[in-house]
Amino acid sequence: MSEMTLQQLLPPILFMVAMLVMFWLLIIRPAKQKQDRHEGLIKSIENGDKVVTVGGIYGTITKVRDKTVDLKVAEGTTITMDRRAVRRRQDEEDA
């Protein structure tokens, strides 16, 4: 077997690098941006915010704690839930 020269090795190496860059641009980067936006939302939740949970429940935040929030879903009905369960604000319909 003859040794492969740099000229023969370069195209497969460049192809692999290009594939890794495309993978990062198309999959990892958008997922990280989405995660960062959600973390920003979780940190900015305040009393009175109208939100939608990951379970599809609509309600108004009545109390914010470190890890949980109280969500008023109907008159006289309040649910305590994990802050991370808030998917979005109700005014962000197209997000």
N, C-alpha and C. Protein backbone atom coordinates (compact mmCIF):
# COMPACT_ATOMS: atom_id res chain seq x y z
N MET A 1 0.84 -1.18 0.00
CA MET A 1 0.00 0.00 0.00
C MET A 1 0.88 1.25 0.00
N SER A 2 0.53 2.16 -0.84
CA SER A 2 1.29 3.40 -0.88
C SER A 2 0.69 4.40 0.11
N GLU A 3 1.53 5.25 0.60
CA GLU A 3 1.06 6.26 1.54
C GLU A 3 0.27 7.33 0.80
N MET A 4 -0.79 7.80 1.45
CA MET A 4 -1.60 8.85 0.83
C MET A 4 -0.90 10.19 1.02
N THR A 5 -0.93 11.00 0.00
CA THR A 5 -0.30 12.31 0.09
C THR A 5 -1.30 13.31 0.66
N LEU A 6 -0.77 14.45 1.05
CA LEU A 6 -1.62 15.51 1.59
C LEU A 6 -2.67 15.93 0.57
N GLN A 7 -2.29 15.93 -0.68
CA GLN A 7 -3.21 16.32 -1.75
C GLN A 7 -4.38 15.33 -1.84
N GLN A 8 -4.14 14.08 -1.54
CA GLN A 8 -5.21 13.08 -1.56
C GLN A 8 -6.07 13.14 -0.30
N LEU A 9 -5.48 13.54 0.82
CA LEU A 9 -6.21 13.59 2.09
C LEU A 9 -7.03 14.87 2.27
N LEU A 10 -6.62 15.93 1.61
CA LEU A 10 -7.27 17.23 1.81
C LEU A 10 -8.76 17.25 1.47
N PRO A 11 -9.21 16.75 0.33
CA PRO A 11 -10.65 16.80 0.03
C PRO A 11 -11.54 16.10 1.07
N PRO A 12 -11.22 14.90 1.53
CA PRO A 12 -12.09 14.30 2.55
C PRO A 12 -12.08 15.07 3.87
N ILE A 13 -10.93 15.62 4.23
CA ILE A 13 -10.85 16.41 5.47
C ILE A 13 -11.69 17.67 5.33
N LEU A 14 -11.57 18.36 4.21
CA LEU A 14 -12.37 19.57 3.99
C LEU A 14 -13.86 19.26 3.96
N PHE A 15 -14.22 18.13 3.38
CA PHE A 15 -15.62 17.71 3.36
C PHE A 15 -16.14 17.50 4.78
N MET A 16 -15.37 16.83 5.61
CA MET A 16 -15.78 16.60 7.01
C MET A 16 -15.92 17.92 7.77
N VAL A 17 -14.98 18.83 7.57
CA VAL A 17 -15.05 20.13 8.23
C VAL A 17 -16.29 20.88 7.76
N ALA A 18 -16.56 20.86 6.47
CA ALA A 18 -17.75 21.53 5.93
C ALA A 18 -19.02 20.93 6.50
N MET A 19 -19.07 19.61 6.64
CA MET A 19 -20.25 18.95 7.21
C MET A 19 -20.45 19.34 8.68
N LEU A 20 -19.36 19.42 9.43
CA LEU A 20 -19.46 19.83 10.83
C LEU A 20 -19.96 21.27 10.96
N VAL A 21 -19.46 22.15 10.11
CA VAL A 21 -19.90 23.55 10.12
C VAL A 21 -21.38 23.64 9.77
N MET A 22 -21.82 22.90 8.76
CA MET A 22 -23.24 22.91 8.38
C MET A 22 -24.10 22.35 9.51
N PHE A 23 -23.66 21.29 10.15
CA PHE A 23 -24.39 20.70 11.27
C PHE A 23 -24.55 21.72 12.38
N TRP A 24 -23.47 22.44 12.69
CA TRP A 24 -23.52 23.45 13.74
C TRP A 24 -24.47 24.59 13.35
N LEU A 25 -24.38 25.06 12.11
CA LEU A 25 -25.22 26.18 11.67
C LEU A 25 -26.70 25.82 11.59
N LEU A 26 -27.00 24.60 11.18
CA LEU A 26 -28.39 24.21 10.95
C LEU A 26 -29.07 23.58 12.16
N ILE A 27 -28.32 23.01 13.08
CA ILE A 27 -28.95 22.29 14.19
C ILE A 27 -28.57 22.85 15.55
N ILE A 28 -27.31 22.91 15.86
CA ILE A 28 -26.88 23.29 17.20
C ILE A 28 -27.14 24.76 17.49
N ARG A 29 -26.76 25.65 16.59
CA ARG A 29 -26.90 27.09 16.82
C ARG A 29 -28.36 27.50 17.00
N PRO A 30 -29.30 27.10 16.13
CA PRO A 30 -30.70 27.48 16.34
C PRO A 30 -31.28 26.93 17.65
N ALA A 31 -30.90 25.71 18.01
CA ALA A 31 -31.39 25.14 19.27
C ALA A 31 -30.88 25.94 20.46
N LYS A 32 -29.63 26.35 20.41
CA LYS A 32 -29.05 27.15 21.49
C LYS A 32 -29.73 28.51 21.57
N GLN A 33 -30.02 29.13 20.42
CA GLN A 33 -30.70 30.42 20.43
C GLN A 33 -32.10 30.29 21.02
N LYS A 34 -32.81 29.24 20.67
CA LYS A 34 -34.15 29.01 21.22
C LYS A 34 -34.08 28.81 22.73
N GLN A 35 -33.10 28.06 23.18
CA GLN A 35 -32.93 27.83 24.61
C GLN A 35 -32.62 29.14 25.33
N ASP A 36 -31.76 29.97 24.75
CA ASP A 36 -31.42 31.25 25.36
C ASP A 36 -32.63 32.17 25.45
N ARG A 37 -33.48 32.19 24.39
CA ARG A 37 -34.70 33.00 24.42
C ARG A 37 -35.63 32.53 25.53
N HIS A 38 -35.77 31.21 25.68
CA HIS A 38 -36.66 30.66 26.71
C HIS A 38 -36.13 31.00 28.11
N GLU A 39 -34.83 30.89 28.31
CA GLU A 39 -34.24 31.24 29.60
C GLU A 39 -34.46 32.72 29.91
N GLY A 40 -34.35 33.57 28.89
CA GLY A 40 -34.63 35.00 29.08
C GLY A 40 -36.07 35.24 29.48
N LEU A 41 -36.98 34.52 28.86
CA LEU A 41 -38.40 34.63 29.21
C LEU A 41 -38.62 34.22 30.66
N ILE A 42 -38.04 33.09 31.06
CA ILE A 42 -38.23 32.58 32.41
C ILE A 42 -37.72 33.59 33.44
N LYS A 43 -36.61 34.24 33.15
CA LYS A 43 -36.05 35.22 34.08
C LYS A 43 -36.87 36.50 34.13
N SER A 44 -37.61 36.81 33.07
CA SER A 44 -38.33 38.08 33.00
C SER A 44 -39.80 37.98 33.41
N ILE A 45 -40.26 36.81 33.81
CA ILE A 45 -41.66 36.63 34.21
C ILE A 45 -41.97 37.51 35.42
N GLU A 46 -43.11 38.20 35.36
CA GLU A 46 -43.54 39.07 36.45
C GLU A 46 -45.00 38.81 36.78
N ASN A 47 -45.43 39.29 37.95
CA ASN A 47 -46.84 39.20 38.31
C ASN A 47 -47.67 39.94 37.26
N GLY A 48 -48.79 39.34 36.89
CA GLY A 48 -49.68 39.96 35.92
C GLY A 48 -49.43 39.54 34.48
N ASP A 49 -48.31 38.87 34.21
CA ASP A 49 -48.04 38.40 32.85
C ASP A 49 -49.04 37.32 32.47
N LYS A 50 -49.59 37.43 31.27
CA LYS A 50 -50.48 36.40 30.74
C LYS A 50 -49.62 35.45 29.92
N VAL A 51 -49.66 34.16 30.29
CA VAL A 51 -48.75 33.19 29.69
C VAL A 51 -49.49 31.94 29.23
N VAL A 52 -48.76 31.14 28.44
CA VAL A 52 -49.21 29.82 28.00
C VAL A 52 -48.16 28.83 28.49
N THR A 53 -48.59 27.73 29.09
CA THR A 53 -47.65 26.72 29.59
C THR A 53 -47.33 25.70 28.50
N VAL A 54 -46.35 24.85 28.78
CA VAL A 54 -46.01 23.79 27.83
C VAL A 54 -47.14 22.80 27.67
N GLY A 55 -48.05 22.75 28.63
CA GLY A 55 -49.21 21.87 28.55
C GLY A 55 -50.40 22.52 27.87
N GLY A 56 -50.24 23.77 27.42
CA GLY A 56 -51.32 24.46 26.72
C GLY A 56 -52.30 25.18 27.62
N ILE A 57 -51.95 25.35 28.89
CA ILE A 57 -52.84 26.04 29.83
C ILE A 57 -52.58 27.54 29.75
N TYR A 58 -53.66 28.31 29.59
CA TYR A 58 -53.58 29.77 29.56
C TYR A 58 -53.89 30.30 30.95
N GLY A 59 -53.13 31.31 31.39
CA GLY A 59 -53.39 31.88 32.70
C GLY A 59 -52.59 33.14 32.92
N THR A 60 -52.76 33.69 34.13
CA THR A 60 -52.08 34.92 34.53
C THR A 60 -51.21 34.62 35.73
N ILE A 61 -49.96 35.07 35.69
CA ILE A 61 -49.03 34.87 36.80
C ILE A 61 -49.48 35.74 37.97
N THR A 62 -49.63 35.12 39.15
CA THR A 62 -50.03 35.88 40.34
C THR A 62 -48.92 35.98 41.37
N LYS A 63 -47.97 35.05 41.34
CA LYS A 63 -46.84 35.09 42.28
C LYS A 63 -45.65 34.41 41.64
N VAL A 64 -44.48 35.04 41.78
CA VAL A 64 -43.24 34.50 41.22
C VAL A 64 -42.28 34.18 42.36
N ARG A 65 -41.77 32.96 42.37
CA ARG A 65 -40.76 32.54 43.33
C ARG A 65 -39.50 32.13 42.56
N ASP A 66 -38.49 31.66 43.28
CA ASP A 66 -37.23 31.27 42.62
C ASP A 66 -37.45 30.19 41.56
N LYS A 67 -38.15 29.12 41.92
CA LYS A 67 -38.30 28.00 40.99
C LYS A 67 -39.73 27.75 40.56
N THR A 68 -40.69 28.40 41.19
CA THR A 68 -42.09 28.16 40.85
C THR A 68 -42.83 29.46 40.63
N VAL A 69 -44.00 29.35 40.02
CA VAL A 69 -44.91 30.48 39.85
C VAL A 69 -46.31 30.00 40.19
N ASP A 70 -47.16 30.93 40.61
CA ASP A 70 -48.58 30.64 40.77
C ASP A 70 -49.28 31.20 39.55
N LEU A 71 -50.11 30.36 38.93
CA LEU A 71 -50.80 30.71 37.70
C LEU A 71 -52.30 30.67 37.95
N LYS A 72 -52.95 31.82 37.78
CA LYS A 72 -54.41 31.88 37.91
C LYS A 72 -55.00 31.47 36.57
N VAL A 73 -55.75 30.35 36.58
CA VAL A 73 -56.31 29.83 35.33
C VAL A 73 -57.80 30.08 35.22
N ALA A 74 -58.46 30.37 36.33
CA ALA A 74 -59.88 30.70 36.35
C ALA A 74 -60.15 31.43 37.66
N GLU A 75 -61.30 32.04 37.77
CA GLU A 75 -61.66 32.74 39.00
C GLU A 75 -61.66 31.74 40.16
N GLY A 76 -60.80 31.99 41.15
CA GLY A 76 -60.71 31.11 42.30
C GLY A 76 -59.85 29.87 42.10
N THR A 77 -59.20 29.73 40.95
CA THR A 77 -58.36 28.55 40.68
C THR A 77 -56.94 29.00 40.35
N THR A 78 -56.01 28.62 41.23
CA THR A 78 -54.60 28.96 41.04
C THR A 78 -53.77 27.68 41.08
N ILE A 79 -52.84 27.56 40.15
CA ILE A 79 -51.96 26.39 40.06
C ILE A 79 -50.54 26.84 40.38
N THR A 80 -49.84 26.07 41.20
CA THR A 80 -48.42 26.30 41.42
C THR A 80 -47.66 25.38 40.47
N MET A 81 -46.75 25.96 39.71
CA MET A 81 -46.02 25.15 38.72
C MET A 81 -44.58 25.62 38.60
N ASP A 82 -43.76 24.79 38.01
CA ASP A 82 -42.35 25.11 37.76
C ASP A 82 -42.26 26.26 36.77
N ARG A 83 -41.35 27.19 37.01
CA ARG A 83 -41.19 28.34 36.09
C ARG A 83 -40.87 27.89 34.68
N ARG A 84 -40.11 26.80 34.55
CA ARG A 84 -39.69 26.33 33.22
C ARG A 84 -40.86 25.80 32.40
N ALA A 85 -42.02 25.60 33.04
CA ALA A 85 -43.19 25.10 32.32
C ALA A 85 -43.90 26.20 31.54
N VAL A 86 -43.47 27.44 31.72
CA VAL A 86 -44.04 28.55 30.94
C VAL A 86 -43.39 28.52 29.56
N ARG A 87 -44.22 28.38 28.52
CA ARG A 87 -43.69 28.32 27.15
C ARG A 87 -43.51 29.71 26.57
N ARG A 88 -44.53 30.57 26.72
CA ARG A 88 -44.46 31.90 26.11
C ARG A 88 -45.50 32.82 26.75
N ARG A 89 -45.38 34.11 26.46
CA ARG A 89 -46.41 35.06 26.85
C ARG A 89 -47.55 34.97 25.85
N GLN A 90 -48.76 35.27 26.28
CA GLN A 90 -49.91 35.17 25.38
C GLN A 90 -49.82 36.16 24.23
N ASP A 91 -49.17 37.29 24.43
CA ASP A 91 -49.07 38.28 23.35
C ASP A 91 -48.04 37.89 22.29
N GLU A 92 -47.31 36.80 22.50
CA GLU A 92 -46.32 36.32 21.53
C GLU A 92 -46.92 35.20 20.69
N GLU A 93 -48.06 35.42 20.10
CA GLU A 93 -48.80 34.39 19.36
C GLU A 93 -48.01 33.81 18.20
N ASP A 94 -47.23 34.62 17.49
CA ASP A 94 -46.53 34.16 16.29
C ASP A 94 -45.09 33.75 16.55
N ALA A 95 -44.68 33.71 17.82
CA ALA A 95 -43.27 33.38 18.13
C ALA A 95 -42.98 31.92 17.96
